[in-house]
C-alpha atoms as a PDB file:
ATOM      1  CA  MET A   1     -50.931 147.496 163.470  1.00  0.00           C
ATOM      2  CA  ALA A   2     -51.440 144.538 165.753  1.00  0.00           C
ATOM      3  CA  VAL A   3     -53.013 144.867 169.186  1.00  0.00           C
ATOM      4  CA  ASN A   4     -51.723 142.641 171.978  1.00  0.00           C
ATOM      5  CA  LEU A   5     -54.506 141.216 174.137  1.00  0.00           C
ATOM      6  CA  LYS A   6     -53.641 140.824 177.805  1.00  0.00           C
ATOM      7  CA  PHE A   7     -55.182 138.078 179.849  1.00  0.00           C
ATOM      8  CA  GLY A   8     -54.847 136.724 183.335  1.00  0.00           C
ATOM      9  CA  THR A   9     -52.795 133.579 183.916  1.00  0.00           C
ATOM     10  CA  GLU A  10     -54.639 130.721 185.582  1.00  0.00           C
ATOM     11  CA  TYR A  11     -52.725 128.361 187.817  1.00  0.00           C
ATOM     12  CA  LEU A  12     -53.531 124.735 188.478  1.00  0.00           C
ATOM     13  CA  HIS A  13     -52.906 125.188 192.184  1.00  0.00           C
ATOM     14  CA  SER A  14     -55.370 128.080 192.584  1.00  0.00           C
ATOM     15  CA  ARG A  15     -57.943 125.850 194.257  1.00  0.00           C
ATOM     16  CA  PRO A  16     -57.465 125.461 198.017  1.00  0.00           C
ATOM     17  CA  LYS A  17     -56.024 122.080 198.958  1.00  0.00           C
ATOM     18  CA  SER A  18     -58.735 121.646 201.563  1.00  0.00           C
ATOM     19  CA  GLU A  19     -61.244 121.329 198.699  1.00  0.00           C
ATOM     20  CA  GLN A  20     -59.240 118.705 196.843  1.00  0.00           C
ATOM     21  CA  SER A  21     -60.247 115.221 197.885  1.00  0.00           C
ATOM     22  CA  CYS A  22     -59.744 113.232 194.674  1.00  0.00           C
ATOM     23  CA  ARG A  23     -56.896 110.718 194.936  1.00  0.00           C
ATOM     24  CA  ILE A  24     -55.202 110.227 191.588  1.00  0.00           C
ATOM     25  CA  ALA A  25     -52.806 107.689 190.100  1.00  0.00           C
ATOM     26  CA  VAL A  26     -50.753 108.797 187.089  1.00  0.00           C
ATOM     27  CA  ILE A  27     -50.068 105.923 184.696  1.00  0.00           C
ATOM     28  CA  GLY A  28     -46.967 106.572 182.600  1.00  0.00           C
ATOM     29  CA  ALA A  29     -44.268 108.663 184.248  1.00  0.00           C
ATOM     30  CA  GLY A  30     -42.196 109.483 181.181  1.00  0.00           C
ATOM     31  CA  ALA A  31     -41.853 112.523 178.921  1.00  0.00           C
ATOM     32  CA  TRP A  32     -45.340 113.993 179.400  1.00  0.00           C
ATOM     33  CA  GLY A  33     -46.296 112.055 182.498  1.00  0.00           C
ATOM     34  CA  LYS A  34     -43.758 113.963 184.580  1.00  0.00           C
ATOM     35  CA  ASN A  35     -45.688 117.199 183.922  1.00  0.00           C
ATOM     36  CA  LEU A  36     -48.966 115.641 185.013  1.00  0.00           C
ATOM     37  CA  ILE A  37     -47.317 114.194 188.104  1.00  0.00           C
ATOM     38  CA  ARG A  38     -45.889 117.597 189.037  1.00  0.00           C
ATOM     39  CA  ASN A  39     -49.225 119.371 188.681  1.00  0.00           C
ATOM     40  CA  PHE A  40     -51.352 116.789 190.458  1.00  0.00           C
ATOM     41  CA  HIS A  41     -48.813 116.836 193.275  1.00  0.00           C
ATOM     42  CA  ALA A  42     -49.187 120.647 193.434  1.00  0.00           C
ATOM     43  CA  LEU A  43     -52.946 120.131 193.677  1.00  0.00           C
ATOM     44  CA  GLY A  44     -52.479 117.778 196.599  1.00  0.00           C
ATOM     45  CA  ALA A  45     -54.175 114.993 194.629  1.00  0.00           C
ATOM     46  CA  LEU A  46     -51.265 112.723 193.690  1.00  0.00           C
ATOM     47  CA  HIS A  47     -51.683 109.291 195.281  1.00  0.00           C
ATOM     48  CA  THR A  48     -49.696 106.868 193.101  1.00  0.00           C
ATOM     49  CA  ILE A  49     -47.138 106.990 190.293  1.00  0.00           C
ATOM     50  CA  CYS A  50     -47.268 103.935 188.041  1.00  0.00           C
ATOM     51  CA  ASP A  51     -44.776 102.965 185.353  1.00  0.00           C
ATOM     52  CA  VAL A  52     -43.447  99.645 184.068  1.00  0.00           C
ATOM     53  CA  HIS A  53     -39.864 100.925 184.184  1.00  0.00           C
ATOM     54  CA  GLU A  54     -38.246 100.643 187.607  1.00  0.00           C
ATOM     55  CA  ASP A  55     -35.556 103.214 186.819  1.00  0.00           C
ATOM     56  CA  CYS A  56     -38.197 105.772 185.836  1.00  0.00           C
ATOM     57  CA  LEU A  57     -40.086 105.258 189.088  1.00  0.00           C
ATOM     58  CA  ALA A  58     -36.855 105.636 191.061  1.00  0.00           C
ATOM     59  CA  THR A  59     -36.412 109.206 189.800  1.00  0.00           C
ATOM     60  CA  TYR A  60     -39.530 110.269 191.734  1.00  0.00           C
ATOM     61  CA  THR A  61     -38.542 108.847 195.123  1.00  0.00           C
ATOM     62  CA  ASP A  62     -36.986 112.039 196.465  1.00  0.00           C
ATOM     63  CA  LYS A  63     -39.351 114.489 194.735  1.00  0.00           C
ATOM     64  CA  TYR A  64     -42.598 112.915 195.891  1.00  0.00           C
ATOM     65  CA  PRO A  65     -41.784 110.732 198.908  1.00  0.00           C
ATOM     66  CA  LYS A  66     -45.387 110.607 200.117  1.00  0.00           C
ATOM     67  CA  SER A  67     -46.785 109.167 196.894  1.00  0.00           C
ATOM     68  CA  LYS A  68     -46.885 105.437 196.245  1.00  0.00           C
ATOM     69  CA  ARG A  69     -44.906 103.932 193.376  1.00  0.00           C
ATOM     70  CA  GLU A  70     -46.273 100.967 191.505  1.00  0.00           C
ATOM     71  CA  LYS A  71     -45.173  98.913 188.489  1.00  0.00           C
ATOM     72  CA  ASP A  72     -48.324  96.806 188.202  1.00  0.00           C
ATOM     73  CA  TYR A  73     -51.350  98.577 186.713  1.00  0.00           C
ATOM     74  CA  LYS A  74     -53.692  95.948 188.151  1.00  0.00           C
ATOM     75  CA  CYS A  75     -52.580  96.898 191.653  1.00  0.00           C
ATOM     76  CA  VAL A  76     -53.592 100.499 190.886  1.00  0.00           C
ATOM     77  CA  LEU A  77     -57.029  99.411 189.703  1.00  0.00           C
ATOM     78  CA  SER A  78     -57.630  97.264 192.785  1.00  0.00           C
ATOM     79  CA  ASP A  79     -56.552 100.009 195.198  1.00  0.00           C
ATOM     80  CA  LYS A  80     -59.704 101.356 196.874  1.00  0.00           C
ATOM     81  CA  GLY A  81     -57.793 104.459 197.915  1.00  0.00           C
ATOM     82  CA  ILE A  82     -57.519 105.644 194.307  1.00  0.00           C
ATOM     83  CA  ASP A  83     -60.483 107.541 192.855  1.00  0.00           C
ATOM     84  CA  ALA A  84     -59.164 108.301 189.371  1.00  0.00           C
ATOM     85  CA  VAL A  85     -56.397 107.379 186.965  1.00  0.00           C
ATOM     86  CA  VAL A  86     -54.530 109.624 184.564  1.00  0.00           C
ATOM     87  CA  ILE A  87     -53.247 107.790 181.491  1.00  0.00           C
ATOM     88  CA  ALA A  88     -50.097 109.198 179.861  1.00  0.00           C
ATOM     89  CA  THR A  89     -48.866 106.070 178.109  1.00  0.00           C
ATOM     90  CA  PRO A  90     -48.273 105.462 174.355  1.00  0.00           C
ATOM     91  CA  ALA A  91     -51.383 106.136 172.260  1.00  0.00           C
ATOM     92  CA  ALA A  92     -51.860 102.518 171.239  1.00  0.00           C
ATOM     93  CA  THR A  93     -52.453 101.579 174.900  1.00  0.00           C
ATOM     94  CA  HIS A  94     -55.019 104.283 175.707  1.00  0.00           C
ATOM     95  CA  TYR A  95     -58.142 102.308 174.829  1.00  0.00           C
ATOM     96  CA  ASP A  96     -57.271  99.183 176.800  1.00  0.00           C
ATOM     97  CA  LEU A  97     -56.010 101.017 179.891  1.00  0.00           C
ATOM     98  CA  ALA A  98     -58.969 103.411 179.940  1.00  0.00           C
ATOM     99  CA  LYS A  99     -61.431 100.539 179.544  1.00  0.00           C
ATOM    100  CA  GLN A 100     -59.866  98.622 182.433  1.00  0.00           C
ATOM    101  CA  ALA A 101     -60.000 101.720 184.633  1.00  0.00           C
ATOM    102  CA  LEU A 102     -63.660 102.418 183.877  1.00  0.00           C
ATOM    103  CA  LEU A 103     -64.565  98.786 184.564  1.00  0.00           C
ATOM    104  CA  ALA A 104     -62.716  99.161 187.884  1.00  0.00           C
ATOM    105  CA  HIS A 105     -65.050 102.086 188.609  1.00  0.00           C
ATOM    106  CA  LYS A 106     -62.342 104.749 188.395  1.00  0.00           C
ATOM    107  CA  HIS A 107     -62.693 108.190 186.865  1.00  0.00           C
ATOM    108  CA  VAL A 108     -60.379 108.518 183.859  1.00  0.00           C
ATOM    109  CA  TYR A 109     -58.308 111.322 182.362  1.00  0.00           C
ATOM    110  CA  VAL A 110     -56.573 110.071 179.226  1.00  0.00           C
ATOM    111  CA  GLU A 111     -54.117 111.968 177.088  1.00  0.00           C
ATOM    112  CA  LYS A 112     -55.067 112.522 173.473  1.00  0.00           C
ATOM    113  CA  PRO A 113     -55.914 110.664 171.406  1.00  0.00           C
ATOM    114  CA  LEU A 114     -58.628 108.866 173.357  1.00  0.00           C
ATOM    115  CA  ALA A 115     -58.210 105.841 171.074  1.00  0.00           C
ATOM    116  CA  LEU A 116     -56.899 105.036 167.607  1.00  0.00           C
ATOM    117  CA  GLN A 117     -60.191 103.614 166.311  1.00  0.00           C
ATOM    118  CA  ILE A 118     -63.522 105.438 166.388  1.00  0.00           C
ATOM    119  CA  ASN A 119     -65.435 102.356 167.547  1.00  0.00           C
ATOM    120  CA  GLU A 120     -63.058 102.055 170.517  1.00  0.00           C
ATOM    121  CA  ALA A 121     -63.572 105.705 171.443  1.00  0.00           C
ATOM    122  CA  GLN A 122     -67.346 105.308 171.200  1.00  0.00           C
ATOM    123  CA  GLU A 123     -67.171 102.210 173.381  1.00  0.00           C
ATOM    124  CA  LEU A 124     -65.266 104.126 176.081  1.00  0.00           C
ATOM    125  CA  VAL A 125     -67.815 106.956 176.056  1.00  0.00           C
ATOM    126  CA  LYS A 126     -70.675 104.443 176.359  1.00  0.00           C
ATOM    127  CA  LEU A 127     -68.889 102.583 179.150  1.00  0.00           C
ATOM    128  CA  ALA A 128     -68.239 105.795 181.105  1.00  0.00           C
ATOM    129  CA  ARG A 129     -71.945 106.617 180.992  1.00  0.00           C
ATOM    130  CA  GLU A 130     -72.905 103.123 182.117  1.00  0.00           C
ATOM    131  CA  GLU A 131     -70.415 103.200 184.993  1.00  0.00           C
ATOM    132  CA  GLU A 132     -71.322 106.831 185.807  1.00  0.00           C
ATOM    133  CA  ARG A 133     -67.665 107.792 185.719  1.00  0.00           C
ATOM    134  CA  ILE A 134     -65.953 110.905 184.333  1.00  0.00           C
ATOM    135  CA  LEU A 135     -64.020 110.298 181.110  1.00  0.00           C
ATOM    136  CA  MET A 136     -61.918 113.277 180.041  1.00  0.00           C
ATOM    137  CA  VAL A 137     -59.419 113.679 177.211  1.00  0.00           C
ATOM    138  CA  GLY A 138     -56.386 115.867 177.854  1.00  0.00           C
ATOM    139  CA  HIS A 139     -56.962 118.569 175.258  1.00  0.00           C
ATOM    140  CA  ILE A 140     -54.713 120.935 177.207  1.00  0.00           C
ATOM    141  CA  LEU A 141     -54.772 123.725 174.620  1.00  0.00           C
ATOM    142  CA  ARG A 142     -58.528 124.146 175.156  1.00  0.00           C
ATOM    143  CA  TYR A 143     -57.742 125.642 178.573  1.00  0.00           C
ATOM    144  CA  HIS A 144     -54.925 127.973 177.540  1.00  0.00           C
ATOM    145  CA  PRO A 145     -55.683 131.513 178.806  1.00  0.00           C
ATOM    146  CA  ALA A 146     -55.080 132.945 175.320  1.00  0.00           C
ATOM    147  CA  ILE A 147     -57.529 130.495 173.746  1.00  0.00           C
ATOM    148  CA  LYS A 148     -60.135 131.352 176.378  1.00  0.00           C
ATOM    149  CA  LYS A 149     -59.568 135.033 175.616  1.00  0.00           C
ATOM    150  CA  LEU A 150     -59.863 134.375 171.874  1.00  0.00           C
ATOM    151  CA  LYS A 151     -63.169 132.609 172.497  1.00  0.00           C
ATOM    152  CA  GLU A 152     -64.367 135.685 174.388  1.00  0.00           C
ATOM    153  CA  VAL A 153     -63.300 137.977 171.528  1.00  0.00           C
ATOM    154  CA  ILE A 154     -65.153 135.828 168.988  1.00  0.00           C
ATOM    155  CA  THR A 155     -68.279 135.577 171.135  1.00  0.00           C
ATOM    156  CA  ASN A 156     -68.542 139.319 171.702  1.00  0.00           C
ATOM    157  CA  GLY A 157     -68.363 139.933 167.952  1.00  0.00           C
ATOM    158  CA  GLU A 158     -65.090 141.857 167.898  1.00  0.00           C
ATOM    159  CA  LEU A 159     -63.836 139.862 164.913  1.00  0.00           C
ATOM    160  CA  GLY A 160     -67.150 140.026 163.077  1.00  0.00           C
ATOM    161  CA  ASN A 161     -68.486 136.975 161.274  1.00  0.00           C
ATOM    162  CA  ILE A 162     -65.842 134.252 161.232  1.00  0.00           C
ATOM    163  CA  LYS A 163     -64.835 133.371 157.683  1.00  0.00           C
ATOM    164  CA  TYR A 164     -61.853 131.077 157.911  1.00  0.00           C
ATOM    165  CA  VAL A 165     -59.616 129.381 160.495  1.00  0.00           C
ATOM    166  CA  TYR A 166     -56.274 127.758 159.860  1.00  0.00           C
ATOM    167  CA  SER A 167     -53.535 126.333 162.024  1.00  0.00           C
ATOM    168  CA  ARG A 168     -49.962 125.145 161.673  1.00  0.00           C
ATOM    169  CA  ARG A 169     -48.421 122.777 164.222  1.00  0.00           C
ATOM    170  CA  LEU A 170     -44.954 121.913 162.988  1.00  0.00           C
ATOM    171  CA  ASN A 171     -41.750 120.551 164.476  1.00  0.00           C
ATOM    172  CA  ILE A 172     -38.732 118.398 163.765  1.00  0.00           C
ATOM    173  CA  GLY A 173     -39.636 115.139 165.595  1.00  0.00           C
ATOM    174  CA  LYS A 174     -40.536 113.500 167.877  1.00  0.00           C
ATOM    175  CA  ILE A 175     -41.352 110.934 165.197  1.00  0.00           C
ATOM    176  CA  ARG A 176     -43.793 108.291 166.427  1.00  0.00           C
ATOM    177  CA  THR A 177     -43.778 104.636 165.553  1.00  0.00           C
ATOM    178  CA  GLU A 178     -47.414 103.931 166.473  1.00  0.00           C
ATOM    179  CA  GLU A 179     -49.769 106.826 165.807  1.00  0.00           C
ATOM    180  CA  ASN A 180     -49.312 109.156 162.849  1.00  0.00           C
ATOM    181  CA  ILE A 181     -48.932 112.937 162.940  1.00  0.00           C
ATOM    182  CA  LEU A 182     -52.689 113.485 162.573  1.00  0.00           C
ATOM    183  CA  TRP A 183     -53.383 111.578 165.794  1.00  0.00           C
ATOM    184  CA  SER A 184     -50.376 113.065 167.592  1.00  0.00           C
ATOM    185  CA  PHE A 185     -50.526 116.791 166.740  1.00  0.00           C
ATOM    186  CA  ALA A 186     -53.874 117.640 165.118  1.00  0.00           C
ATOM    187  CA  PRO A 187     -56.180 116.821 168.082  1.00  0.00           C
ATOM    188  CA  HIS A 188     -55.029 120.052 169.746  1.00  0.00           C
ATOM    189  CA  ASP A 189     -56.226 122.183 166.843  1.00  0.00           C
ATOM    190  CA  ILE A 190     -59.374 120.191 166.084  1.00  0.00           C
ATOM    191  CA  SER A 191     -60.472 120.555 169.704  1.00  0.00           C
ATOM    192  CA  VAL A 192     -59.733 124.283 169.817  1.00  0.00           C
ATOM    193  CA  ILE A 193     -61.381 125.084 166.465  1.00  0.00           C
ATOM    194  CA  MET A 194     -64.611 123.325 167.433  1.00  0.00           C
ATOM    195  CA  PHE A 195     -64.531 125.133 170.780  1.00  0.00           C
ATOM    196  CA  LEU A 196     -64.044 128.539 169.146  1.00  0.00           C
ATOM    197  CA  LEU A 197     -66.754 128.003 166.538  1.00  0.00           C
ATOM    198  CA  ASN A 198     -69.111 126.172 168.910  1.00  0.00           C
ATOM    199  CA  GLU A 199     -69.988 123.608 166.240  1.00  0.00           C
ATOM    200  CA  LYS A 200     -68.828 120.337 164.756  1.00  0.00           C
ATOM    201  CA  PRO A 201     -67.813 120.040 161.097  1.00  0.00           C
ATOM    202  CA  ASP A 202     -70.202 118.703 158.489  1.00  0.00           C
ATOM    203  CA  SER A 203     -67.374 117.158 156.522  1.00  0.00           C
ATOM    204  CA  VAL A 204     -63.738 116.277 157.115  1.00  0.00           C
ATOM    205  CA  TYR A 205     -61.060 115.569 154.552  1.00  0.00           C
ATOM    206  CA  ALA A 206     -57.469 114.663 155.373  1.00  0.00           C
ATOM    207  CA  THR A 207     -54.518 113.764 153.210  1.00  0.00           C
ATOM    208  CA  GLY A 208     -50.880 113.183 154.002  1.00  0.00           C
ATOM    209  CA  GLY A 209     -47.761 111.169 153.408  1.00  0.00           C
ATOM    210  CA  GLY A 210     -45.304 108.967 155.206  1.00  0.00           C
ATOM    211  CA  TYR A 211     -41.745 109.888 154.336  1.00  0.00           C
ATOM    212  CA  VAL A 212     -39.850 108.330 157.251  1.00  0.00           C
ATOM    213  CA  LYS A 213     -42.042 105.226 157.430  1.00  0.00           C
ATOM    214  CA  ASN A 214     -44.356 104.551 154.503  1.00  0.00           C
ATOM    215  CA  ASP A 215     -47.209 103.320 156.694  1.00  0.00           C
ATOM    216  CA  ILE A 216     -47.160 106.210 159.199  1.00  0.00           C
ATOM    217  CA  ALA A 217     -47.958 109.712 157.932  1.00  0.00           C
ATOM    218  CA  ASP A 218     -45.592 112.380 159.200  1.00  0.00           C
ATOM    219  CA  VAL A 219     -47.230 115.252 157.283  1.00  0.00           C
ATOM    220  CA  THR A 220     -50.992 115.810 156.923  1.00  0.00           C
ATOM    221  CA  LEU A 221     -53.391 118.511 155.763  1.00  0.00           C
ATOM    222  CA  THR A 222     -56.933 118.388 157.128  1.00  0.00           C
ATOM    223  CA  VAL A 223     -59.915 120.375 155.824  1.00  0.00           C
ATOM    224  CA  LEU A 224     -62.986 120.936 158.006  1.00  0.00           C
ATOM    225  CA  ASP A 225     -66.216 122.334 156.523  1.00  0.00           C
ATOM    226  CA  PHE A 226     -68.817 123.737 158.920  1.00  0.00           C
ATOM    227  CA  ALA A 227     -72.539 124.318 158.377  1.00  0.00           C
ATOM    228  CA  SER A 228     -72.064 128.013 159.237  1.00  0.00           C
ATOM    229  CA  GLY A 229     -69.929 128.397 156.105  1.00  0.00           C
ATOM    230  CA  VAL A 230     -66.612 128.516 157.942  1.00  0.00           C
ATOM    231  CA  LYS A 231     -63.809 126.455 156.444  1.00  0.00           C
ATOM    232  CA  SER A 232     -60.744 125.392 158.377  1.00  0.00           C
ATOM    233  CA  HIS A 233     -57.359 123.986 157.411  1.00  0.00           C
ATOM    234  CA  ILE A 234     -54.972 122.198 159.769  1.00  0.00           C
ATOM    235  CA  PHE A 235     -51.391 121.555 158.662  1.00  0.00           C
ATOM    236  CA  VAL A 236     -49.270 119.348 160.907  1.00  0.00           C
ATOM    237  CA  SER A 237     -45.801 117.903 160.429  1.00  0.00           C
ATOM    238  CA  TRP A 238     -42.844 116.571 162.395  1.00  0.00           C
ATOM    239  CA  LEU A 239     -40.592 116.962 159.341  1.00  0.00           C
ATOM    240  CA  HIS A 240     -40.211 120.722 159.649  1.00  0.00           C
ATOM    241  CA  PRO A 241     -36.897 122.558 160.197  1.00  0.00           C
ATOM    242  CA  PHE A 242     -38.209 124.592 163.139  1.00  0.00           C
ATOM    243  CA  LYS A 243     -41.028 124.580 165.662  1.00  0.00           C
ATOM    244  CA  GLU A 244     -44.226 126.467 164.899  1.00  0.00           C
ATOM    245  CA  GLN A 245     -47.560 126.508 166.739  1.00  0.00           C
ATOM    246  CA  MET A 246     -49.925 129.061 165.272  1.00  0.00           C
ATOM    247  CA  LEU A 247     -53.662 129.457 164.797  1.00  0.00           C
ATOM    248  CA  VAL A 248     -55.230 132.232 162.714  1.00  0.00           C
ATOM    249  CA  VAL A 249     -58.901 133.271 162.798  1.00  0.00           C
ATOM    250  CA  VAL A 250     -60.100 135.489 159.947  1.00  0.00           C
ATOM    251  CA  GLY A 251     -63.205 137.534 160.671  1.00  0.00           C
ATOM    252  CA  GLY A 252     -65.164 140.136 158.768  1.00  0.00           C
ATOM    253  CA  LYS A 253     -63.895 142.948 161.020  1.00  0.00           C
ATOM    254  CA  LYS A 254     -60.528 141.767 162.324  1.00  0.00           C
ATOM    255  CA  MET A 255     -58.119 138.849 162.279  1.00  0.00           C
ATOM    256  CA  ALA A 256     -56.688 137.112 165.341  1.00  0.00           C
ATOM    257  CA  VAL A 257     -53.389 135.267 165.624  1.00  0.00           C
ATOM    258  CA  PHE A 258     -52.565 132.891 168.468  1.00  0.00           C
ATOM    259  CA  ASP A 259     -48.850 132.079 168.509  1.00  0.00           C
ATOM    260  CA  ASP A 260     -48.016 129.802 171.424  1.00  0.00           C
ATOM    261  CA  LEU A 261     -44.261 130.262 170.935  1.00  0.00           C
ATOM    262  CA  ALA A 262     -44.284 134.070 170.927  1.00  0.00           C
ATOM    263  CA  ASP A 263     -43.974 136.366 173.931  1.00  0.00           C
ATOM    264  CA  GLU A 264     -47.229 138.032 172.907  1.00  0.00           C
ATOM    265  CA  LYS A 265     -49.484 135.009 172.571  1.00  0.00           C
ATOM    266  CA  LEU A 266     -52.573 136.658 171.106  1.00  0.00           C
ATOM    267  CA  LEU A 267     -52.669 139.543 168.635  1.00  0.00           C
ATOM    268  CA  LEU A 268     -55.549 141.216 166.798  1.00  0.00           C
ATOM    269  CA  TYR A 269     -55.040 142.699 163.343  1.00  0.00           C
ATOM    270  CA  PRO A 270     -57.623 145.240 162.139  1.00  0.00           C
ATOM    271  CA  HIS A 271     -57.418 144.004 158.545  1.00  0.00           C
ATOM    272  CA  THR A 272     -60.668 144.149 156.597  1.00  0.00           C
ATOM    273  CA  ILE A 273     -61.670 143.845 152.946  1.00  0.00           C
ATOM    274  CA  GLU A 274     -63.902 146.608 151.587  1.00  0.00           C
ATOM    275  CA  TRP A 275     -65.531 146.831 148.182  1.00  0.00           C
ATOM    276  CA  GLN A 276     -65.402 149.975 146.067  1.00  0.00           C
ATOM    277  CA  ASN A 277     -67.051 150.034 142.626  1.00  0.00           C
ATOM    278  CA  ARG A 278     -67.449 146.260 142.888  1.00  0.00           C
ATOM    279  CA  ILE A 279     -63.686 145.856 143.328  1.00  0.00           C
ATOM    280  CA  PRO A 280     -62.274 144.420 146.589  1.00  0.00           C
END
């Protein structure tokens, strides 16, 4: 029998507007950018919407008449009235845009992945420290109320010793032409798993295949080995007949299932393995 865990919903606009002084420019007003624009507007922090496409910018004129609209990113960086930039552009542009913003002494929130090369990501982290600016990656799943509740359940020992964690993030499309499925989907699960276990993996192994484009993997399987003995598998694909977003944590006392597409997001299963006469 599964037990549904209830948790309180947290809203982005819970903080009083009088306490919100940061003035933010959202760079990239397309598919995901529109969500960021909506929420920063609700926070009273939206200053500028920036996108290279004039027709995209025009769609925001009536919704957010008080915010500025800008096609030129350099104008955003030179605007002294902007404290921070939010980057929601294609992944291949993240490094360059984030670097320019940090050098312009802006705080930066960049959608995952931070960069497509590890040396570029390390450079951005170093630059943020030198400029004394905040650099944050948009690992949105880390802040999901169900994930925060799951962390609480793990920390208080309700699951027992964690043995194994696996996740499946599957969908049909949207197929990318720049970053592969590992960079596009897996960062959500990698971030959450490290948060839940409170440790980084000792070793990482990933394999996959490109079936739409030979040079871009659209299916990958990643294995993470942790010093604590926990092993984790992450399976991601955008060549799947239906959408699935599930993470399973197997503990010595119970198992937990986080299903982001279900009505009941987090369930506990009291399944255990006991030994009798040396037989499990």
